[in-house]
């Protein structure tokens, strides 16, 4: 089965370039194995950072972890 990763951001209030780099490394690792990575529960600040960096176009973003898990479970 392809790896599926849900990154739950619901407890993350702020992040910087090091965290974005980590997300990109995770994305690359999951994609290289034919999988998909999605995000859930970003704060408004986190959502703005993702939008400013255009990373909101790279990953599907869900309001809740349950929605994200349902989406990757297909």
PDB file of N, CA and C in Angstrom:
ATOM      1  N   UNK A   1       0.841  -1.199   0.000  1.00  0.00           N
ATOM      2  CA  UNK A   1       0.000   0.000   0.000  1.00  0.00           C
ATOM      3  C   UNK A   1       0.875   1.248   0.000  1.00  0.00           C
ATOM      4  N   UNK A   2       0.370   2.278  -0.610  1.00  0.00           N
ATOM      5  CA  UNK A   2       1.092   3.546  -0.647  1.00  0.00           C
ATOM      6  C   UNK A   2       1.038   4.225   0.714  1.00  0.00           C
ATOM      7  N   UNK A   3       2.140   4.842   1.126  1.00  0.00           N
ATOM      8  CA  UNK A   3       2.124   5.535   2.417  1.00  0.00           C
ATOM      9  C   UNK A   3       1.259   6.798   2.347  1.00  0.00           C
ATOM     10  N   UNK A   4       0.479   7.006   3.368  1.00  0.00           N
ATOM     11  CA  UNK A   4      -0.341   8.203   3.480  1.00  0.00           C
ATOM     12  C   UNK A   4       0.032   8.891   4.779  1.00  0.00           C
ATOM     13  N   UNK A   5       0.242  10.187   4.728  1.00  0.00           N
ATOM     14  CA  UNK A   5       0.642  10.927   5.914  1.00  0.00           C
ATOM     15  C   UNK A   5      -0.336  12.074   6.155  1.00  0.00           C
ATOM     16  N   UNK A   6      -0.834  12.137   7.388  1.00  0.00           N
ATOM     17  CA  UNK A   6      -1.658  13.261   7.816  1.00  0.00           C
ATOM     18  C   UNK A   6      -0.834  14.039   8.843  1.00  0.00           C
ATOM     19  N   UNK A   7      -0.543  15.286   8.534  1.00  0.00           N
ATOM     20  CA  UNK A   7       0.198  16.139   9.458  1.00  0.00           C
ATOM     21  C   UNK A   7      -0.826  17.025  10.162  1.00  0.00           C
ATOM     22  N   UNK A   8      -1.009  16.781  11.453  1.00  0.00           N
ATOM     23  CA  UNK A   8      -2.005  17.507  12.245  1.00  0.00           C
ATOM     24  C   UNK A   8      -1.367  18.776  12.811  1.00  0.00           C
ATOM     25  N   UNK A   9      -1.817  19.915  12.313  1.00  0.00           N
ATOM     26  CA  UNK A   9      -1.261  21.206  12.738  1.00  0.00           C
ATOM     27  C   UNK A   9      -2.123  21.905  13.784  1.00  0.00           C
ATOM     28  N   UNK A  10      -3.110  21.203  14.326  1.00  0.00           N
ATOM     29  CA  UNK A  10      -4.081  21.851  15.212  1.00  0.00           C
ATOM     30  C   UNK A  10      -3.466  22.432  16.485  1.00  0.00           C
ATOM     31  N   UNK A  11      -2.321  21.915  16.915  1.00  0.00           N
ATOM     32  CA  UNK A  11      -1.671  22.446  18.117  1.00  0.00           C
ATOM     33  C   UNK A  11      -0.496  23.367  17.790  1.00  0.00           C
ATOM     34  N   UNK A  12      -0.273  23.613  16.497  1.00  0.00           N
ATOM     35  CA  UNK A  12       0.844  24.451  16.053  1.00  0.00           C
ATOM     36  C   UNK A  12       0.334  25.863  15.818  1.00  0.00           C
ATOM     37  N   UNK A  13       0.832  26.804  16.594  1.00  0.00           N
ATOM     38  CA  UNK A  13       0.368  28.186  16.465  1.00  0.00           C
ATOM     39  C   UNK A  13       1.199  28.971  15.459  1.00  0.00           C
ATOM     40  N   UNK A  14       2.488  28.688  15.388  1.00  0.00           N
ATOM     41  CA  UNK A  14       3.392  29.407  14.490  1.00  0.00           C
ATOM     42  C   UNK A  14       4.489  28.468  14.044  1.00  0.00           C
ATOM     43  N   UNK A  15       4.966  28.653  12.827  1.00  0.00           N
ATOM     44  CA  UNK A  15       6.156  27.919  12.401  1.00  0.00           C
ATOM     45  C   UNK A  15       6.938  28.756  11.405  1.00  0.00           C
ATOM     46  N   UNK A  16       8.207  28.417  11.285  1.00  0.00           N
ATOM     47  CA  UNK A  16       9.099  29.154  10.403  1.00  0.00           C
ATOM     48  C   UNK A  16       9.680  28.269   9.325  1.00  0.00           C
ATOM     49  N   UNK A  17      10.782  28.724   8.776  1.00  0.00           N
ATOM     50  CA  UNK A  17      11.375  28.055   7.619  1.00  0.00           C
ATOM     51  C   UNK A  17      11.862  26.638   7.932  1.00  0.00           C
ATOM     52  N   UNK A  18      12.345  26.409   9.135  1.00  0.00           N
ATOM     53  CA  UNK A  18      12.828  25.062   9.478  1.00  0.00           C
ATOM     54  C   UNK A  18      11.674  24.060   9.456  1.00  0.00           C
ATOM     55  N   UNK A  19      10.512  24.460   9.957  1.00  0.00           N
ATOM     56  CA  UNK A  19       9.346  23.570   9.952  1.00  0.00           C
ATOM     57  C   UNK A  19       8.849  23.355   8.524  1.00  0.00           C
ATOM     58  N   UNK A  20       8.849  24.416   7.721  1.00  0.00           N
ATOM     59  CA  UNK A  20       8.448  24.270   6.315  1.00  0.00           C
ATOM     60  C   UNK A  20       9.386  23.306   5.592  1.00  0.00           C
ATOM     61  N   UNK A  21      10.670  23.396   5.886  1.00  0.00           N
ATOM     62  CA  UNK A  21      11.644  22.483   5.280  1.00  0.00           C
ATOM     63  C   UNK A  21      11.360  21.044   5.700  1.00  0.00           C
ATOM     64  N   UNK A  22      10.995  20.839   6.964  1.00  0.00           N
ATOM     65  CA  UNK A  22      10.644  19.506   7.444  1.00  0.00           C
ATOM     66  C   UNK A  22       9.416  18.973   6.706  1.00  0.00           C
ATOM     67  N   UNK A  23       8.386  19.811   6.560  1.00  0.00           N
ATOM     68  CA  UNK A  23       7.191  19.393   5.819  1.00  0.00           C
ATOM     69  C   UNK A  23       7.549  18.994   4.388  1.00  0.00           C
ATOM     70  N   UNK A  24       8.415  19.765   3.757  1.00  0.00           N
ATOM     71  CA  UNK A  24       8.815  19.448   2.382  1.00  0.00           C
ATOM     72  C   UNK A  24       9.599  18.136   2.313  1.00  0.00           C
ATOM     73  N   UNK A  25      10.464  17.884   3.303  1.00  0.00           N
ATOM     74  CA  UNK A  25      11.196  16.605   3.333  1.00  0.00           C
ATOM     75  C   UNK A  25      10.230  15.436   3.510  1.00  0.00           C
ATOM     76  N   UNK A  26       9.247  15.597   4.389  1.00  0.00           N
ATOM     77  CA  UNK A  26       8.235  14.544   4.581  1.00  0.00           C
ATOM     78  C   UNK A  26       7.467  14.309   3.288  1.00  0.00           C
ATOM     79  N   UNK A  27       7.066  15.406   2.633  1.00  0.00           N
ATOM     80  CA  UNK A  27       6.334  15.327   1.373  1.00  0.00           C
ATOM     81  C   UNK A  27       7.136  14.542   0.334  1.00  0.00           C
ATOM     82  N   UNK A  28       8.421  14.882   0.198  1.00  0.00           N
ATOM     83  CA  UNK A  28       9.285  14.221  -0.775  1.00  0.00           C
ATOM     84  C   UNK A  28       9.403  12.733  -0.477  1.00  0.00           C
ATOM     85  N   UNK A  29       9.571  12.387   0.807  1.00  0.00           N
ATOM     86  CA  UNK A  29       9.705  10.983   1.200  1.00  0.00           C
ATOM     87  C   UNK A  29       8.428  10.200   0.896  1.00  0.00           C
ATOM     88  N   UNK A  30       7.279  10.785   1.213  1.00  0.00           N
ATOM     89  CA  UNK A  30       6.002  10.100   0.980  1.00  0.00           C
ATOM     90  C   UNK A  30       5.738   9.972  -0.526  1.00  0.00           C
ATOM     91  N   UNK A  31       5.947  11.060  -1.270  1.00  0.00           N
ATOM     92  CA  UNK A  31       5.721  11.055  -2.725  1.00  0.00           C
ATOM     93  C   UNK A  31       6.621  10.047  -3.433  1.00  0.00           C
ATOM     94  N   UNK A  32       7.873   9.942  -2.975  1.00  0.00           N
ATOM     95  CA  UNK A  32       8.824   9.043  -3.635  1.00  0.00           C
ATOM     96  C   UNK A  32       8.404   7.577  -3.497  1.00  0.00           C
ATOM     97  N   UNK A  33       7.528   7.308  -2.547  1.00  0.00           N
ATOM     98  CA  UNK A  33       7.006   5.954  -2.345  1.00  0.00           C
ATOM     99  C   UNK A  33       5.582   5.817  -2.907  1.00  0.00           C
ATOM    100  N   UNK A  34       5.168   6.815  -3.680  1.00  0.00           N
ATOM    101  CA  UNK A  34       3.858   6.750  -4.325  1.00  0.00           C
ATOM    102  C   UNK A  34       2.701   7.146  -3.437  1.00  0.00           C
ATOM    103  N   UNK A  35       3.005   7.809  -2.337  1.00  0.00           N
ATOM    104  CA  UNK A  35       1.964   8.158  -1.379  1.00  0.00           C
ATOM    105  C   UNK A  35       1.511   9.598  -1.472  1.00  0.00           C
ATOM    106  N   UNK A  36       0.722   9.994  -0.499  1.00  0.00           N
ATOM    107  CA  UNK A  36       0.176  11.338  -0.449  1.00  0.00           C
ATOM    108  C   UNK A  36       0.258  11.862   0.979  1.00  0.00           C
ATOM    109  N   UNK A  37       0.552  13.150   1.108  1.00  0.00           N
ATOM    110  CA  UNK A  37       0.593  13.810   2.405  1.00  0.00           C
ATOM    111  C   UNK A  37      -0.450  14.922   2.404  1.00  0.00           C
ATOM    112  N   UNK A  38      -1.209  15.014   3.492  1.00  0.00           N
ATOM    113  CA  UNK A  38      -2.197  16.081   3.643  1.00  0.00           C
ATOM    114  C   UNK A  38      -2.017  16.736   5.002  1.00  0.00           C
ATOM    115  N   UNK A  39      -2.570  17.931   5.139  1.00  0.00           N
ATOM    116  CA  UNK A  39      -2.481  18.670   6.393  1.00  0.00           C
ATOM    117  C   UNK A  39      -3.867  18.813   6.995  1.00  0.00           C
ATOM    118  N   UNK A  40      -3.907  18.910   8.323  1.00  0.00           N
ATOM    119  CA  UNK A  40      -5.199  19.155   8.981  1.00  0.00           C
ATOM    120  C   UNK A  40      -5.050  20.194  10.080  1.00  0.00           C
ATOM    121  N   UNK A  41      -6.130  20.938  10.271  1.00  0.00           N
ATOM    122  CA  UNK A  41      -6.269  21.841  11.400  1.00  0.00           C
ATOM    123  C   UNK A  41      -5.327  23.016  11.519  1.00  0.00           C
ATOM    124  N   UNK A  42      -4.855  23.610  10.406  1.00  0.00           N
ATOM    125  CA  UNK A  42      -3.940  24.732  10.577  1.00  0.00           C
ATOM    126  C   UNK A  42      -4.641  25.954  11.167  1.00  0.00           C
ATOM    127  N   UNK A  43      -3.916  26.689  12.003  1.00  0.00           N
ATOM    128  CA  UNK A  43      -4.433  27.956  12.528  1.00  0.00           C
ATOM    129  C   UNK A  43      -4.505  28.954  11.378  1.00  0.00           C
ATOM    130  N   UNK A  44      -5.130  30.087  11.617  1.00  0.00           N
ATOM    131  CA  UNK A  44      -5.201  31.124  10.587  1.00  0.00           C
ATOM    132  C   UNK A  44      -3.798  31.589  10.203  1.00  0.00           C
ATOM    133  N   UNK A  45      -2.919  31.733  11.206  1.00  0.00           N
ATOM    134  CA  UNK A  45      -1.540  32.136  10.944  1.00  0.00           C
ATOM    135  C   UNK A  45      -0.821  31.103  10.080  1.00  0.00           C
ATOM    136  N   UNK A  46      -0.964  29.836  10.440  1.00  0.00           N
ATOM    137  CA  UNK A  46      -0.322  28.764   9.673  1.00  0.00           C
ATOM    138  C   UNK A  46      -0.868  28.731   8.249  1.00  0.00           C
ATOM    139  N   UNK A  47      -2.169  28.904   8.110  1.00  0.00           N
ATOM    140  CA  UNK A  47      -2.802  28.910   6.787  1.00  0.00           C
ATOM    141  C   UNK A  47      -2.242  30.057   5.933  1.00  0.00           C
ATOM    142  N   UNK A  48      -2.033  31.223   6.557  1.00  0.00           N
ATOM    143  CA  UNK A  48      -1.471  32.367   5.845  1.00  0.00           C
ATOM    144  C   UNK A  48      -0.046  32.095   5.382  1.00  0.00           C
ATOM    145  N   UNK A  49       0.752  31.459   6.241  1.00  0.00           N
ATOM    146  CA  UNK A  49       2.130  31.110   5.865  1.00  0.00           C
ATOM    147  C   UNK A  49       2.109  30.147   4.680  1.00  0.00           C
ATOM    148  N   UNK A  50       1.243  29.153   4.739  1.00  0.00           N
ATOM    149  CA  UNK A  50       1.148  28.183   3.642  1.00  0.00           C
ATOM    150  C   UNK A  50       0.718  28.872   2.349  1.00  0.00           C
ATOM    151  N   UNK A  51      -0.198  29.844   2.471  1.00  0.00           N
ATOM    152  CA  UNK A  51      -0.668  30.568   1.284  1.00  0.00           C
ATOM    153  C   UNK A  51       0.436  31.462   0.713  1.00  0.00           C
ATOM    154  N   UNK A  52       1.135  32.186   1.581  1.00  0.00           N
ATOM    155  CA  UNK A  52       2.210  33.073   1.135  1.00  0.00           C
ATOM    156  C   UNK A  52       3.335  32.323   0.424  1.00  0.00           C
ATOM    157  N   UNK A  53       3.588  31.092   0.860  1.00  0.00           N
ATOM    158  CA  UNK A  53       4.657  30.283   0.275  1.00  0.00           C
ATOM    159  C   UNK A  53       4.144  29.402  -0.858  1.00  0.00           C
ATOM    160  N   UNK A  54       2.833  29.494  -1.148  1.00  0.00           N
ATOM    161  CA  UNK A  54       2.164  28.697  -2.180  1.00  0.00           C
ATOM    162  C   UNK A  54       2.167  27.200  -1.864  1.00  0.00           C
ATOM    163  N   UNK A  55       2.498  26.854  -0.627  1.00  0.00           N
ATOM    164  CA  UNK A  55       2.479  25.440  -0.246  1.00  0.00           C
ATOM    165  C   UNK A  55       1.053  24.933  -0.061  1.00  0.00           C
ATOM    166  N   UNK A  56       0.097  25.861   0.045  1.00  0.00           N
ATOM    167  CA  UNK A  56      -1.300  25.441   0.122  1.00  0.00           C
ATOM    168  C   UNK A  56      -1.764  24.822  -1.201  1.00  0.00           C
ATOM    169  N   UNK A  57      -0.970  25.000  -2.261  1.00  0.00           N
ATOM    170  CA  UNK A  57      -1.298  24.363  -3.541  1.00  0.00           C
ATOM    171  C   UNK A  57      -0.659  22.984  -3.653  1.00  0.00           C
ATOM    172  N   UNK A  58       0.293  22.688  -2.777  1.00  0.00           N
ATOM    173  CA  UNK A  58       1.003  21.412  -2.813  1.00  0.00           C
ATOM    174  C   UNK A  58       0.258  20.333  -2.026  1.00  0.00           C
ATOM    175  N   UNK A  59      -0.368  20.737  -0.929  1.00  0.00           N
ATOM    176  CA  UNK A  59      -1.035  19.777  -0.054  1.00  0.00           C
ATOM    177  C   UNK A  59      -2.509  20.109   0.096  1.00  0.00           C
ATOM    178  N   UNK A  60      -3.331  19.072   0.163  1.00  0.00           N
ATOM    179  CA  UNK A  60      -4.725  19.276   0.541  1.00  0.00           C
ATOM    180  C   UNK A  60      -4.752  19.637   2.019  1.00  0.00           C
ATOM    181  N   UNK A  61      -5.624  20.574   2.378  1.00  0.00           N
ATOM    182  CA  UNK A  61      -5.724  21.034   3.765  1.00  0.00           C
ATOM    183  C   UNK A  61      -7.145  20.807   4.245  1.00  0.00           C
ATOM    184  N   UNK A  62      -7.271  20.122   5.379  1.00  0.00           N
ATOM    185  CA  UNK A  62      -8.570  19.789   5.958  1.00  0.00           C
ATOM    186  C   UNK A  62      -8.726  20.465   7.312  1.00  0.00           C
ATOM    187  N   UNK A  63      -9.964  20.755   7.659  1.00  0.00           N
ATOM    188  CA  UNK A  63     -10.237  21.423   8.940  1.00  0.00           C
ATOM    189  C   UNK A  63      -9.919  20.526  10.128  1.00  0.00           C
ATOM    190  N   UNK A  64     -10.260  19.232  10.020  1.00  0.00           N
ATOM    191  CA  UNK A  64     -10.063  18.317  11.152  1.00  0.00           C
ATOM    192  C   UNK A  64      -9.206  17.119  10.750  1.00  0.00           C
ATOM    193  N   UNK A  65      -8.610  16.500  11.750  1.00  0.00           N
ATOM    194  CA  UNK A  65      -7.822  15.291  11.516  1.00  0.00           C
ATOM    195  C   UNK A  65      -8.703  14.185  10.949  1.00  0.00           C
ATOM    196  N   UNK A  66      -9.935  14.077  11.459  1.00  0.00           N
ATOM    197  CA  UNK A  66     -10.849  13.025  10.973  1.00  0.00           C
ATOM    198  C   UNK A  66     -11.134  13.192   9.485  1.00  0.00           C
ATOM    199  N   UNK A  67     -11.364  14.420   9.040  1.00  0.00           N
ATOM    200  CA  UNK A  67     -11.604  14.662   7.609  1.00  0.00           C
ATOM    201  C   UNK A  67     -10.382  14.274   6.780  1.00  0.00           C
ATOM    202  N   UNK A  68      -9.210  14.616   7.287  1.00  0.00           N
ATOM    203  CA  UNK A  68      -7.968  14.310   6.572  1.00  0.00           C
ATOM    204  C   UNK A  68      -7.746  12.799   6.476  1.00  0.00           C
ATOM    205  N   UNK A  69      -7.979  12.091   7.572  1.00  0.00           N
ATOM    206  CA  UNK A  69      -7.805  10.639   7.581  1.00  0.00           C
ATOM    207  C   UNK A  69      -8.803   9.991   6.624  1.00  0.00           C
ATOM    208  N   UNK A  70     -10.045  10.445   6.645  1.00  0.00           N
ATOM    209  CA  UNK A  70     -11.054   9.931   5.704  1.00  0.00           C
ATOM    210  C   UNK A  70     -10.605  10.137   4.266  1.00  0.00           C
ATOM    211  N   UNK A  71     -10.036  11.289   3.984  1.00  0.00           N
ATOM    212  CA  UNK A  71      -9.611  11.615   2.619  1.00  0.00           C
ATOM    213  C   UNK A  71      -8.483  10.699   2.138  1.00  0.00           C
ATOM    214  N   UNK A  72      -7.501  10.462   2.980  1.00  0.00           N
ATOM    215  CA  UNK A  72      -6.392   9.611   2.538  1.00  0.00           C
ATOM    216  C   UNK A  72      -6.750   8.140   2.576  1.00  0.00           C
ATOM    217  N   UNK A  73      -7.719   7.748   3.407  1.00  0.00           N
ATOM    218  CA  UNK A  73      -8.177   6.359   3.424  1.00  0.00           C
ATOM    219  C   UNK A  73      -8.914   6.013   2.142  1.00  0.00           C
ATOM    220  N   UNK A  74      -9.484   7.047   1.522  1.00  0.00           N
ATOM    221  CA  UNK A  74     -10.180   6.879   0.247  1.00  0.00           C
ATOM    222  C   UNK A  74     -11.366   5.989   0.396  1.00  0.00           C
TER     223      UNK A  74
END
